[in-house]
Amino acid sequence: MSDKYEVIWSHVAENDLRNIIEYVAEDSPVNASNVFKKIRQKASSLYTLPERGRIVQELRDHGILQYRELIISPWRVIYRISGKSVYVLSILDSRQNIEDILLKRLTDLK
């Protein structure tokens, strides 16, 4: 039996999700609801086997290896595992320049 992790959403990730849903809702409120459920369910599933996500390639290229992602096309759920917690950090549209967004967010934290 696998260990259970606590899944914690950052304010940034919550804002990212809110922005995605608001954008999708402009065209289709029903689709926005479906997207919301899909992203929340997939991220919440990280309570088991959070290592299954791949290391974020754009960060790996810079030697940053502690961030992982789940793909929910076209979005990427970026998270970090720490102890028995999984921190959902960002929800990004993969059609954007992910490297610039992530590096800016990470350097703004310092």
PDB file of N, CA and C in Angstrom:
ATOM      1  N   MET A   1       0.846  -1.181   0.000  1.00  0.00           N
ATOM      2  CA  MET A   1       0.000   0.000   0.000  1.00  0.00           C
ATOM      3  C   MET A   1       0.893   1.247   0.000  1.00  0.00           C
ATOM      4  N   SER A   2       0.564   2.196  -0.855  1.00  0.00           N
ATOM      5  CA  SER A   2       1.408   3.380  -0.989  1.00  0.00           C
ATOM      6  C   SER A   2       1.073   4.422   0.066  1.00  0.00           C
ATOM      7  N   ASP A   3       2.051   5.281   0.335  1.00  0.00           N
ATOM      8  CA  ASP A   3       1.866   6.372   1.287  1.00  0.00           C
ATOM      9  C   ASP A   3       0.928   7.415   0.708  1.00  0.00           C
ATOM     10  N   LYS A   4       0.273   8.144   1.593  1.00  0.00           N
ATOM     11  CA  LYS A   4      -0.627   9.226   1.199  1.00  0.00           C
ATOM     12  C   LYS A   4       0.062  10.564   1.453  1.00  0.00           C
ATOM     13  N   TYR A   5      -0.127  11.481   0.532  1.00  0.00           N
ATOM     14  CA  TYR A   5       0.428  12.819   0.619  1.00  0.00           C
ATOM     15  C   TYR A   5      -0.714  13.820   0.753  1.00  0.00           C
ATOM     16  N   GLU A   6      -0.417  14.944   1.363  1.00  0.00           N
ATOM     17  CA  GLU A   6      -1.375  16.038   1.422  1.00  0.00           C
ATOM     18  C   GLU A   6      -1.137  16.921   0.199  1.00  0.00           C
ATOM     19  N   VAL A   7      -2.196  17.251  -0.536  1.00  0.00           N
ATOM     20  CA  VAL A   7      -2.090  18.117  -1.710  1.00  0.00           C
ATOM     21  C   VAL A   7      -2.494  19.530  -1.297  1.00  0.00           C
ATOM     22  N   ILE A   8      -1.566  20.468  -1.472  1.00  0.00           N
ATOM     23  CA  ILE A   8      -1.777  21.860  -1.052  1.00  0.00           C
ATOM     24  C   ILE A   8      -1.646  22.765  -2.274  1.00  0.00           C
ATOM     25  N   TRP A   9      -2.658  23.593  -2.489  1.00  0.00           N
ATOM     26  CA  TRP A   9      -2.661  24.532  -3.617  1.00  0.00           C
ATOM     27  C   TRP A   9      -2.101  25.878  -3.182  1.00  0.00           C
ATOM     28  N   SER A  10      -1.162  26.402  -3.959  1.00  0.00           N
ATOM     29  CA  SER A  10      -0.655  27.747  -3.697  1.00  0.00           C
ATOM     30  C   SER A  10      -1.675  28.768  -4.210  1.00  0.00           C
ATOM     31  N   HIS A  11      -1.535  30.004  -3.716  1.00  0.00           N
ATOM     32  CA  HIS A  11      -2.414  31.076  -4.196  1.00  0.00           C
ATOM     33  C   HIS A  11      -2.200  31.315  -5.691  1.00  0.00           C
ATOM     34  N   VAL A  12      -0.964  31.196  -6.133  1.00  0.00           N
ATOM     35  CA  VAL A  12      -0.653  31.392  -7.555  1.00  0.00           C
ATOM     36  C   VAL A  12      -1.383  30.358  -8.403  1.00  0.00           C
ATOM     37  N   ALA A  13      -1.340  29.094  -7.983  1.00  0.00           N
ATOM     38  CA  ALA A  13      -2.025  28.036  -8.733  1.00  0.00           C
ATOM     39  C   ALA A  13      -3.538  28.256  -8.733  1.00  0.00           C
ATOM     40  N   GLU A  14      -4.087  28.669  -7.598  1.00  0.00           N
ATOM     41  CA  GLU A  14      -5.521  28.950  -7.534  1.00  0.00           C
ATOM     42  C   GLU A  14      -5.887  30.089  -8.486  1.00  0.00           C
ATOM     43  N   ASN A  15      -5.048  31.124  -8.523  1.00  0.00           N
ATOM     44  CA  ASN A  15      -5.287  32.244  -9.451  1.00  0.00           C
ATOM     45  C   ASN A  15      -5.150  31.801 -10.902  1.00  0.00           C
ATOM     46  N   ASP A  16      -4.148  30.967 -11.182  1.00  0.00           N
ATOM     47  CA  ASP A  16      -3.990  30.436 -12.538  1.00  0.00           C
ATOM     48  C   ASP A  16      -5.252  29.695 -12.961  1.00  0.00           C
ATOM     49  N   LEU A  17      -5.746  28.830 -12.081  1.00  0.00           N
ATOM     50  CA  LEU A  17      -6.941  28.047 -12.405  1.00  0.00           C
ATOM     51  C   LEU A  17      -8.148  28.961 -12.596  1.00  0.00           C
ATOM     52  N   ARG A  18      -8.304  29.934 -11.732  1.00  0.00           N
ATOM     53  CA  ARG A  18      -9.417  30.882 -11.858  1.00  0.00           C
ATOM     54  C   ARG A  18      -9.359  31.604 -13.205  1.00  0.00           C
ATOM     55  N   ASN A  19      -8.165  32.055 -13.596  1.00  0.00           N
ATOM     56  CA  ASN A  19      -8.003  32.751 -14.869  1.00  0.00           C
ATOM     57  C   ASN A  19      -8.321  31.852 -16.061  1.00  0.00           C
ATOM     58  N   ILE A  20      -7.900  30.606 -15.991  1.00  0.00           N
ATOM     59  CA  ILE A  20      -8.203  29.644 -17.055  1.00  0.00           C
ATOM     60  C   ILE A  20      -9.706  29.458 -17.176  1.00  0.00           C
ATOM     61  N   ILE A  21     -10.372  29.248 -16.049  1.00  0.00           N
ATOM     62  CA  ILE A  21     -11.809  28.994 -16.059  1.00  0.00           C
ATOM     63  C   ILE A  21     -12.569  30.215 -16.565  1.00  0.00           C
ATOM     64  N   GLU A  22     -12.171  31.395 -16.126  1.00  0.00           N
ATOM     65  CA  GLU A  22     -12.834  32.620 -16.603  1.00  0.00           C
ATOM     66  C   GLU A  22     -12.660  32.776 -18.112  1.00  0.00           C
ATOM     67  N   TYR A  23     -11.483  32.479 -18.611  1.00  0.00           N
ATOM     68  CA  TYR A  23     -11.222  32.590 -20.039  1.00  0.00           C
ATOM     69  C   TYR A  23     -12.077  31.591 -20.833  1.00  0.00           C
ATOM     70  N   VAL A  24     -12.100  30.346 -20.395  1.00  0.00           N
ATOM     71  CA  VAL A  24     -12.879  29.316 -21.090  1.00  0.00           C
ATOM     72  C   VAL A  24     -14.368  29.629 -21.004  1.00  0.00           C
ATOM     73  N   ALA A  25     -14.815  30.158 -19.874  1.00  0.00           N
ATOM     74  CA  ALA A  25     -16.232  30.463 -19.660  1.00  0.00           C
ATOM     75  C   ALA A  25     -16.750  31.538 -20.602  1.00  0.00           C
ATOM     76  N   GLU A  26     -15.857  32.394 -21.105  1.00  0.00           N
ATOM     77  CA  GLU A  26     -16.288  33.418 -22.056  1.00  0.00           C
ATOM     78  C   GLU A  26     -16.938  32.791 -23.284  1.00  0.00           C
ATOM     79  N   ASP A  27     -16.437  31.629 -23.693  1.00  0.00           N
ATOM     80  CA  ASP A  27     -16.994  30.928 -24.848  1.00  0.00           C
ATOM     81  C   ASP A  27     -18.001  29.859 -24.452  1.00  0.00           C
ATOM     82  N   SER A  28     -17.747  29.185 -23.326  1.00  0.00           N
ATOM     83  CA  SER A  28     -18.618  28.071 -22.939  1.00  0.00           C
ATOM     84  C   SER A  28     -18.559  27.819 -21.435  1.00  0.00           C
ATOM     85  N   PRO A  29     -19.578  28.278 -20.699  1.00  0.00           N
ATOM     86  CA  PRO A  29     -19.612  28.003 -19.255  1.00  0.00           C
ATOM     87  C   PRO A  29     -19.624  26.504 -18.933  1.00  0.00           C
ATOM     88  N   VAL A  30     -20.268  25.716 -19.764  1.00  0.00           N
ATOM     89  CA  VAL A  30     -20.311  24.268 -19.530  1.00  0.00           C
ATOM     90  C   VAL A  30     -18.909  23.675 -19.680  1.00  0.00           C
ATOM     91  N   ASN A  31     -18.205  24.071 -20.727  1.00  0.00           N
ATOM     92  CA  ASN A  31     -16.838  23.584 -20.926  1.00  0.00           C
ATOM     93  C   ASN A  31     -15.932  24.053 -19.797  1.00  0.00           C
ATOM     94  N   ALA A  32     -16.134  25.277 -19.322  1.00  0.00           N
ATOM     95  CA  ALA A  32     -15.333  25.794 -18.209  1.00  0.00           C
ATOM     96  C   ALA A  32     -15.508  24.924 -16.971  1.00  0.00           C
ATOM     97  N   SER A  33     -16.735  24.516 -16.702  1.00  0.00           N
ATOM     98  CA  SER A  33     -17.003  23.637 -15.564  1.00  0.00           C
ATOM     99  C   SER A  33     -16.297  22.297 -15.726  1.00  0.00           C
ATOM    100  N   ASN A  34     -16.323  21.759 -16.930  1.00  0.00           N
ATOM    101  CA  ASN A  34     -15.651  20.477 -17.195  1.00  0.00           C
ATOM    102  C   ASN A  34     -14.139  20.601 -17.049  1.00  0.00           C
ATOM    103  N   VAL A  35     -13.572  21.695 -17.549  1.00  0.00           N
ATOM    104  CA  VAL A  35     -12.130  21.923 -17.434  1.00  0.00           C
ATOM    105  C   VAL A  35     -11.743  22.041 -15.960  1.00  0.00           C
ATOM    106  N   PHE A  36     -12.536  22.803 -15.194  1.00  0.00           N
ATOM    107  CA  PHE A  36     -12.275  22.968 -13.766  1.00  0.00           C
ATOM    108  C   PHE A  36     -12.235  21.609 -13.063  1.00  0.00           C
ATOM    109  N   LYS A  37     -13.254  20.791 -13.291  1.00  0.00           N
ATOM    110  CA  LYS A  37     -13.314  19.474 -12.646  1.00  0.00           C
ATOM    111  C   LYS A  37     -12.139  18.597 -13.051  1.00  0.00           C
ATOM    112  N   LYS A  38     -11.809  18.617 -14.328  1.00  0.00           N
ATOM    113  CA  LYS A  38     -10.718  17.774 -14.831  1.00  0.00           C
ATOM    114  C   LYS A  38      -9.381  18.154 -14.197  1.00  0.00           C
ATOM    115  N   ILE A  39      -9.091  19.452 -14.154  1.00  0.00           N
ATOM    116  CA  ILE A  39      -7.813  19.912 -13.584  1.00  0.00           C
ATOM    117  C   ILE A  39      -7.775  19.638 -12.085  1.00  0.00           C
ATOM    118  N   ARG A  40      -8.841  19.951 -11.363  1.00  0.00           N
ATOM    119  CA  ARG A  40      -8.872  19.722  -9.908  1.00  0.00           C
ATOM    120  C   ARG A  40      -8.726  18.232  -9.579  1.00  0.00           C
ATOM    121  N   GLN A  41      -9.438  17.385 -10.320  1.00  0.00           N
ATOM    122  CA  GLN A  41      -9.362  15.939 -10.046  1.00  0.00           C
ATOM    123  C   GLN A  41      -7.961  15.397 -10.309  1.00  0.00           C
ATOM    124  N   LYS A  42      -7.370  15.815 -11.419  1.00  0.00           N
ATOM    125  CA  LYS A  42      -6.029  15.318 -11.754  1.00  0.00           C
ATOM    126  C   LYS A  42      -5.004  15.786 -10.714  1.00  0.00           C
ATOM    127  N   ALA A  43      -5.082  17.054 -10.325  1.00  0.00           N
ATOM    128  CA  ALA A  43      -4.150  17.571  -9.318  1.00  0.00           C
ATOM    129  C   ALA A  43      -4.388  16.905  -7.966  1.00  0.00           C
ATOM    130  N   SER A  44      -5.643  16.710  -7.612  1.00  0.00           N
ATOM    131  CA  SER A  44      -5.962  16.066  -6.333  1.00  0.00           C
ATOM    132  C   SER A  44      -5.482  14.623  -6.286  1.00  0.00           C
ATOM    133  N   SER A  45      -5.359  13.988  -7.446  1.00  0.00           N
ATOM    134  CA  SER A  45      -4.905  12.590  -7.489  1.00  0.00           C
ATOM    135  C   SER A  45      -3.443  12.453  -7.090  1.00  0.00           C
ATOM    136  N   LEU A  46      -2.746  13.564  -6.933  1.00  0.00           N
ATOM    137  CA  LEU A  46      -1.338  13.523  -6.537  1.00  0.00           C
ATOM    138  C   LEU A  46      -1.140  13.046  -5.104  1.00  0.00           C
ATOM    139  N   TYR A  47      -2.224  12.836  -4.364  1.00  0.00           N
ATOM    140  CA  TYR A  47      -2.082  12.339  -2.995  1.00  0.00           C
ATOM    141  C   TYR A  47      -1.472  10.942  -2.978  1.00  0.00           C
ATOM    142  N   THR A  48      -1.532  10.259  -4.109  1.00  0.00           N
ATOM    143  CA  THR A  48      -0.817   8.983  -4.232  1.00  0.00           C
ATOM    144  C   THR A  48       0.140   9.072  -5.419  1.00  0.00           C
ATOM    145  N   LEU A  49       1.293   8.518  -5.259  1.00  0.00           N
ATOM    146  CA  LEU A  49       2.312   8.439  -6.303  1.00  0.00           C
ATOM    147  C   LEU A  49       2.613   9.769  -6.993  1.00  0.00           C
ATOM    148  N   PRO A  50       2.926  10.808  -6.240  1.00  0.00           N
ATOM    149  CA  PRO A  50       3.203  12.090  -6.888  1.00  0.00           C
ATOM    150  C   PRO A  50       4.460  12.075  -7.766  1.00  0.00           C
ATOM    151  N   GLU A  51       5.324  11.085  -7.572  1.00  0.00           N
ATOM    152  CA  GLU A  51       6.539  10.985  -8.381  1.00  0.00           C
ATOM    153  C   GLU A  51       6.236  10.624  -9.828  1.00  0.00           C
ATOM    154  N   ARG A  52       4.989  10.257 -10.128  1.00  0.00           N
ATOM    155  CA  ARG A  52       4.650   9.837 -11.487  1.00  0.00           C
ATOM    156  C   ARG A  52       4.754  10.983 -12.498  1.00  0.00           C
ATOM    157  N   GLY A  53       4.674  12.221 -12.027  1.00  0.00           N
ATOM    158  CA  GLY A  53       4.821  13.359 -12.937  1.00  0.00           C
ATOM    159  C   GLY A  53       6.261  13.497 -13.378  1.00  0.00           C
ATOM    160  N   ARG A  54       6.433  13.993 -14.566  1.00  0.00           N
ATOM    161  CA  ARG A  54       7.800  14.159 -15.081  1.00  0.00           C
ATOM    162  C   ARG A  54       8.408  15.451 -14.547  1.00  0.00           C
ATOM    163  N   ILE A  55       9.727  15.494 -14.524  1.00  0.00           N
ATOM    164  CA  ILE A  55      10.437  16.716 -14.151  1.00  0.00           C
ATOM    165  C   ILE A  55      10.207  17.730 -15.271  1.00  0.00           C
ATOM    166  N   VAL A  56       9.964  18.978 -14.900  1.00  0.00           N
ATOM    167  CA  VAL A  56       9.694  20.031 -15.885  1.00  0.00           C
ATOM    168  C   VAL A  56      10.944  20.240 -16.738  1.00  0.00           C
ATOM    169  N   GLN A  57      10.821  19.924 -18.016  1.00  0.00           N
ATOM    170  CA  GLN A  57      11.970  19.938 -18.924  1.00  0.00           C
ATOM    171  C   GLN A  57      12.646  21.298 -19.005  1.00  0.00           C
ATOM    172  N   GLU A  58      11.857  22.369 -19.085  1.00  0.00           N
ATOM    173  CA  GLU A  58      12.438  23.704 -19.215  1.00  0.00           C
ATOM    174  C   GLU A  58      13.283  24.073 -18.001  1.00  0.00           C
ATOM    175  N   LEU A  59      12.924  23.565 -16.835  1.00  0.00           N
ATOM    176  CA  LEU A  59      13.710  23.823 -15.627  1.00  0.00           C
ATOM    177  C   LEU A  59      14.891  22.859 -15.526  1.00  0.00           C
ATOM    178  N   ARG A  60      14.682  21.634 -15.957  1.00  0.00           N
ATOM    179  CA  ARG A  60      15.764  20.640 -15.958  1.00  0.00           C
ATOM    180  C   ARG A  60      16.965  21.170 -16.744  1.00  0.00           C
ATOM    181  N   ASP A  61      16.670  21.844 -17.843  1.00  0.00           N
ATOM    182  CA  ASP A  61      17.738  22.401 -18.680  1.00  0.00           C
ATOM    183  C   ASP A  61      18.583  23.426 -17.923  1.00  0.00           C
ATOM    184  N   HIS A  62      18.042  23.971 -16.815  1.00  0.00           N
ATOM    185  CA  HIS A  62      18.762  24.938 -15.985  1.00  0.00           C
ATOM    186  C   HIS A  62      19.261  24.298 -14.686  1.00  0.00           C
ATOM    187  N   GLY A  63      19.180  22.963 -14.597  1.00  0.00           N
ATOM    188  CA  GLY A  63      19.656  22.259 -13.419  1.00  0.00           C
ATOM    189  C   GLY A  63      18.678  22.277 -12.250  1.00  0.00           C
ATOM    190  N   ILE A  64      17.444  22.686 -12.488  1.00  0.00           N
ATOM    191  CA  ILE A  64      16.416  22.735 -11.435  1.00  0.00           C
ATOM    192  C   ILE A  64      15.580  21.468 -11.569  1.00  0.00           C
ATOM    193  N   LEU A  65      15.695  20.578 -10.577  1.00  0.00           N
ATOM    194  CA  LEU A  65      15.109  19.247 -10.716  1.00  0.00           C
ATOM    195  C   LEU A  65      13.974  18.941  -9.739  1.00  0.00           C
ATOM    196  N   GLN A  66      13.629  19.852  -8.849  1.00  0.00           N
ATOM    197  CA  GLN A  66      12.644  19.526  -7.815  1.00  0.00           C
ATOM    198  C   GLN A  66      11.196  19.767  -8.238  1.00  0.00           C
ATOM    199  N   TYR A  67      10.980  20.282  -9.450  1.00  0.00           N
ATOM    200  CA  TYR A  67       9.616  20.565  -9.896  1.00  0.00           C
ATOM    201  C   TYR A  67       9.160  19.527 -10.909  1.00  0.00           C
ATOM    202  N   ARG A  68       7.934  19.071 -10.724  1.00  0.00           N
ATOM    203  CA  ARG A  68       7.338  18.064 -11.596  1.00  0.00           C
ATOM    204  C   ARG A  68       6.073  18.620 -12.219  1.00  0.00           C
ATOM    205  N   GLU A  69       5.553  17.874 -13.189  1.00  0.00           N
ATOM    206  CA  GLU A  69       4.330  18.331 -13.837  1.00  0.00           C
ATOM    207  C   GLU A  69       3.456  17.168 -14.270  1.00  0.00           C
ATOM    208  N   LEU A  70       2.169  17.460 -14.301  1.00  0.00           N
ATOM    209  CA  LEU A  70       1.178  16.582 -14.922  1.00  0.00           C
ATOM    210  C   LEU A  70       0.626  17.346 -16.113  1.00  0.00           C
ATOM    211  N   ILE A  71       0.402  16.644 -17.199  1.00  0.00           N
ATOM    212  CA  ILE A  71      -0.146  17.258 -18.395  1.00  0.00           C
ATOM    213  C   ILE A  71      -1.640  16.976 -18.460  1.00  0.00           C
ATOM    214  N   ILE A  72      -2.403  18.050 -18.591  1.00  0.00           N
ATOM    215  CA  ILE A  72      -3.837  17.969 -18.841  1.00  0.00           C
ATOM    216  C   ILE A  72      -4.037  18.887 -20.037  1.00  0.00           C
ATOM    217  N   SER A  73      -3.753  18.363 -21.193  1.00  0.00           N
ATOM    218  CA  SER A  73      -3.629  19.149 -22.411  1.00  0.00           C
ATOM    219  C   SER A  73      -4.792  20.122 -22.598  1.00  0.00           C
ATOM    220  N   PRO A  74      -4.478  21.400 -22.870  1.00  0.00           N
ATOM    221  CA  PRO A  74      -3.162  21.990 -23.132  1.00  0.00           C
ATOM    222  C   PRO A  74      -2.494  22.568 -21.889  1.00  0.00           C
ATOM    223  N   TRP A  75      -2.966  22.210 -20.695  1.00  0.00           N
ATOM    224  CA  TRP A  75      -2.415  22.794 -19.466  1.00  0.00           C
ATOM    225  C   TRP A  75      -1.406  21.873 -18.803  1.00  0.00           C
ATOM    226  N   ARG A  76      -0.530  22.509 -18.041  1.00  0.00           N
ATOM    227  CA  ARG A  76       0.493  21.786 -17.298  1.00  0.00           C
ATOM    228  C   ARG A  76       0.359  22.174 -15.825  1.00  0.00           C
ATOM    229  N   VAL A  77       0.195  21.175 -14.980  1.00  0.00           N
ATOM    230  CA  VAL A  77       0.102  21.381 -13.535  1.00  0.00           C
ATOM    231  C   VAL A  77       1.509  21.208 -12.980  1.00  0.00           C
ATOM    232  N   ILE A  78       2.081  22.305 -12.483  1.00  0.00           N
ATOM    233  CA  ILE A  78       3.446  22.297 -11.959  1.00  0.00           C
ATOM    234  C   ILE A  78       3.379  22.144 -10.443  1.00  0.00           C
ATOM    235  N   TYR A  79       4.141  21.203  -9.896  1.00  0.00           N
ATOM    236  CA  TYR A  79       4.104  20.958  -8.460  1.00  0.00           C
ATOM    237  C   TYR A  79       5.467  20.542  -7.934  1.00  0.00           C
ATOM    238  N   ARG A  80       5.556  20.536  -6.607  1.00  0.00           N
ATOM    239  CA  ARG A  80       6.789  20.152  -5.910  1.00  0.00           C
ATOM    240  C   ARG A  80       6.407  19.239  -4.756  1.00  0.00           C
ATOM    241  N   ILE A  81       7.194  18.225  -4.533  1.00  0.00           N
ATOM    242  CA  ILE A  81       6.996  17.306  -3.412  1.00  0.00           C
ATOM    243  C   ILE A  81       7.952  17.705  -2.305  1.00  0.00           C
ATOM    244  N   SER A  82       7.418  17.809  -1.092  1.00  0.00           N
ATOM    245  CA  SER A  82       8.252  18.112   0.070  1.00  0.00           C
ATOM    246  C   SER A  82       7.722  17.305   1.244  1.00  0.00           C
ATOM    247  N   GLY A  83       8.523  16.348   1.685  1.00  0.00           N
ATOM    248  CA  GLY A  83       8.081  15.474   2.773  1.00  0.00           C
ATOM    249  C   GLY A  83       6.843  14.707   2.345  1.00  0.00           C
ATOM    250  N   LYS A  84       5.783  14.820   3.130  1.00  0.00           N
ATOM    251  CA  LYS A  84       4.526  14.129   2.835  1.00  0.00           C
ATOM    252  C   LYS A  84       3.494  15.085   2.230  1.00  0.00           C
ATOM    253  N   SER A  85       3.988  16.198   1.651  1.00  0.00           N
ATOM    254  CA  SER A  85       3.100  17.182   1.033  1.00  0.00           C
ATOM    255  C   SER A  85       3.450  17.355  -0.440  1.00  0.00           C
ATOM    256  N   VAL A  86       2.420  17.633  -1.225  1.00  0.00           N
ATOM    257  CA  VAL A  86       2.577  17.976  -2.632  1.00  0.00           C
ATOM    258  C   VAL A  86       2.027  19.384  -2.790  1.00  0.00           C
ATOM    259  N   TYR A  87       2.870  20.294  -3.247  1.00  0.00           N
ATOM    260  CA  TYR A  87       2.470  21.688  -3.415  1.00  0.00           C
ATOM    261  C   TYR A  87       2.195  21.958  -4.891  1.00  0.00           C
ATOM    262  N   VAL A  88       0.931  22.222  -5.221  1.00  0.00           N
ATOM    263  CA  VAL A  88       0.563  22.611  -6.580  1.00  0.00           C
ATOM    264  C   VAL A  88       0.908  24.088  -6.699  1.00  0.00           C
ATOM    265  N   LEU A  89       1.836  24.407  -7.616  1.00  0.00           N
ATOM    266  CA  LEU A  89       2.407  25.745  -7.677  1.00  0.00           C
ATOM    267  C   LEU A  89       1.871  26.599  -8.818  1.00  0.00           C
ATOM    268  N   SER A  90       1.574  25.989  -9.951  1.00  0.00           N
ATOM    269  CA  SER A  90       1.121  26.739 -11.119  1.00  0.00           C
ATOM    270  C   SER A  90       0.316  25.839 -12.038  1.00  0.00           C
ATOM    271  N   ILE A  91      -0.601  26.454 -12.759  1.00  0.00           N
ATOM    272  CA  ILE A  91      -1.311  25.790 -13.844  1.00  0.00           C
ATOM    273  C   ILE A  91      -1.062  26.666 -15.068  1.00  0.00           C
ATOM    274  N   LEU A  92      -0.327  26.157 -16.037  1.00  0.00           N
ATOM    275  CA  LEU A  92       0.095  26.965 -17.172  1.00  0.00           C
ATOM    276  C   LEU A  92      -0.386  26.370 -18.489  1.00  0.00           C
ATOM    277  N   ASP A  93      -0.638  27.251 -19.424  1.00  0.00           N
ATOM    278  CA  ASP A  93      -1.032  26.851 -20.774  1.00  0.00           C
ATOM    279  C   ASP A  93       0.244  26.485 -21.532  1.00  0.00           C
ATOM    280  N   SER A  94       0.323  25.269 -22.022  1.00  0.00           N
ATOM    281  CA  SER A  94       1.548  24.800 -22.675  1.00  0.00           C
ATOM    282  C   SER A  94       1.823  25.510 -23.993  1.00  0.00           C
ATOM    283  N   ARG A  95       0.870  26.298 -24.477  1.00  0.00           N
ATOM    284  CA  ARG A  95       1.086  27.045 -25.721  1.00  0.00           C
ATOM    285  C   ARG A  95       1.838  28.353 -25.463  1.00  0.00           C
ATOM    286  N   GLN A  96       2.073  28.669 -24.192  1.00  0.00           N
ATOM    287  CA  GLN A  96       2.836  29.852 -23.833  1.00  0.00           C
ATOM    288  C   GLN A  96       4.308  29.478 -23.657  1.00  0.00           C
ATOM    289  N   ASN A  97       5.160  30.485 -23.493  1.00  0.00           N
ATOM    290  CA  ASN A  97       6.570  30.232 -23.248  1.00  0.00           C
ATOM    291  C   ASN A  97       6.736  29.882 -21.763  1.00  0.00           C
ATOM    292  N   ILE A  98       6.666  28.610 -21.469  1.00  0.00           N
ATOM    293  CA  ILE A  98       6.678  28.106 -20.092  1.00  0.00           C
ATOM    294  C   ILE A  98       7.997  28.448 -19.394  1.00  0.00           C
ATOM    295  N   GLU A  99       9.090  28.340 -20.114  1.00  0.00           N
ATOM    296  CA  GLU A  99      10.400  28.594 -19.503  1.00  0.00           C
ATOM    297  C   GLU A  99      10.475  30.006 -18.935  1.00  0.00           C
ATOM    298  N   ASP A 100      10.075  30.996 -19.718  1.00  0.00           N
ATOM    299  CA  ASP A 100      10.121  32.380 -19.243  1.00  0.00           C
ATOM    300  C   ASP A 100       9.201  32.596 -18.048  1.00  0.00           C
ATOM    301  N   ILE A 101       7.999  32.050 -18.115  1.00  0.00           N
ATOM    302  CA  ILE A 101       7.030  32.215 -17.019  1.00  0.00           C
ATOM    303  C   ILE A 101       7.564  31.603 -15.734  1.00  0.00           C
ATOM    304  N   LEU A 102       8.048  30.368 -15.806  1.00  0.00           N
ATOM    305  CA  LEU A 102       8.536  29.682 -14.605  1.00  0.00           C
ATOM    306  C   LEU A 102       9.780  30.339 -14.031  1.00  0.00           C
ATOM    307  N   LEU A 103      10.715  30.689 -14.869  1.00  0.00           N
ATOM    308  CA  LEU A 103      11.934  31.321 -14.365  1.00  0.00           C
ATOM    309  C   LEU A 103      11.620  32.664 -13.718  1.00  0.00           C
ATOM    310  N   LYS A 104      10.688  33.422 -14.295  1.00  0.00           N
ATOM    311  CA  LYS A 104      10.299  34.699 -13.697  1.00  0.00           C
ATOM    312  C   LYS A 104       9.641  34.468 -12.338  1.00  0.00           C
ATOM    313  N   ARG A 105       8.735  33.502 -12.268  1.00  0.00           N
ATOM    314  CA  ARG A 105       8.061  33.224 -10.997  1.00  0.00           C
ATOM    315  C   ARG A 105       9.047  32.750  -9.944  1.00  0.00           C
ATOM    316  N   LEU A 106       9.982  31.909 -10.327  1.00  0.00           N
ATOM    317  CA  LEU A 106      10.953  31.391  -9.359  1.00  0.00           C
ATOM    318  C   LEU A 106      11.915  32.473  -8.890  1.00  0.00           C
ATOM    319  N   THR A 107      12.340  33.340  -9.788  1.00  0.00           N
ATOM    320  CA  THR A 107      13.271  34.391  -9.378  1.00  0.00           C
ATOM    321  C   THR A 107      12.557  35.490  -8.595  1.00  0.00           C
ATOM    322  N   ASP A 108      11.267  35.679  -8.829  1.00  0.00           N
ATOM    323  CA  ASP A 108      10.497  36.661  -8.053  1.00  0.00           C
ATOM    324  C   ASP A 108      10.289  36.206  -6.609  1.00  0.00           C
ATOM    325  N   LEU A 109      10.426  34.904  -6.348  1.00  0.00           N
ATOM    326  CA  LEU A 109      10.249  34.375  -4.988  1.00  0.00           C
ATOM    327  C   LEU A 109      11.449  34.683  -4.104  1.00  0.00           C
ATOM    328  N   LYS A 110      12.584  34.945  -4.691  1.00  0.00           N
ATOM    329  CA  LYS A 110      13.821  35.135  -3.925  1.00  0.00           C
ATOM    330  C   LYS A 110      13.924  36.521  -3.365  1.00  0.00           C
TER     331      LYS A 110
END
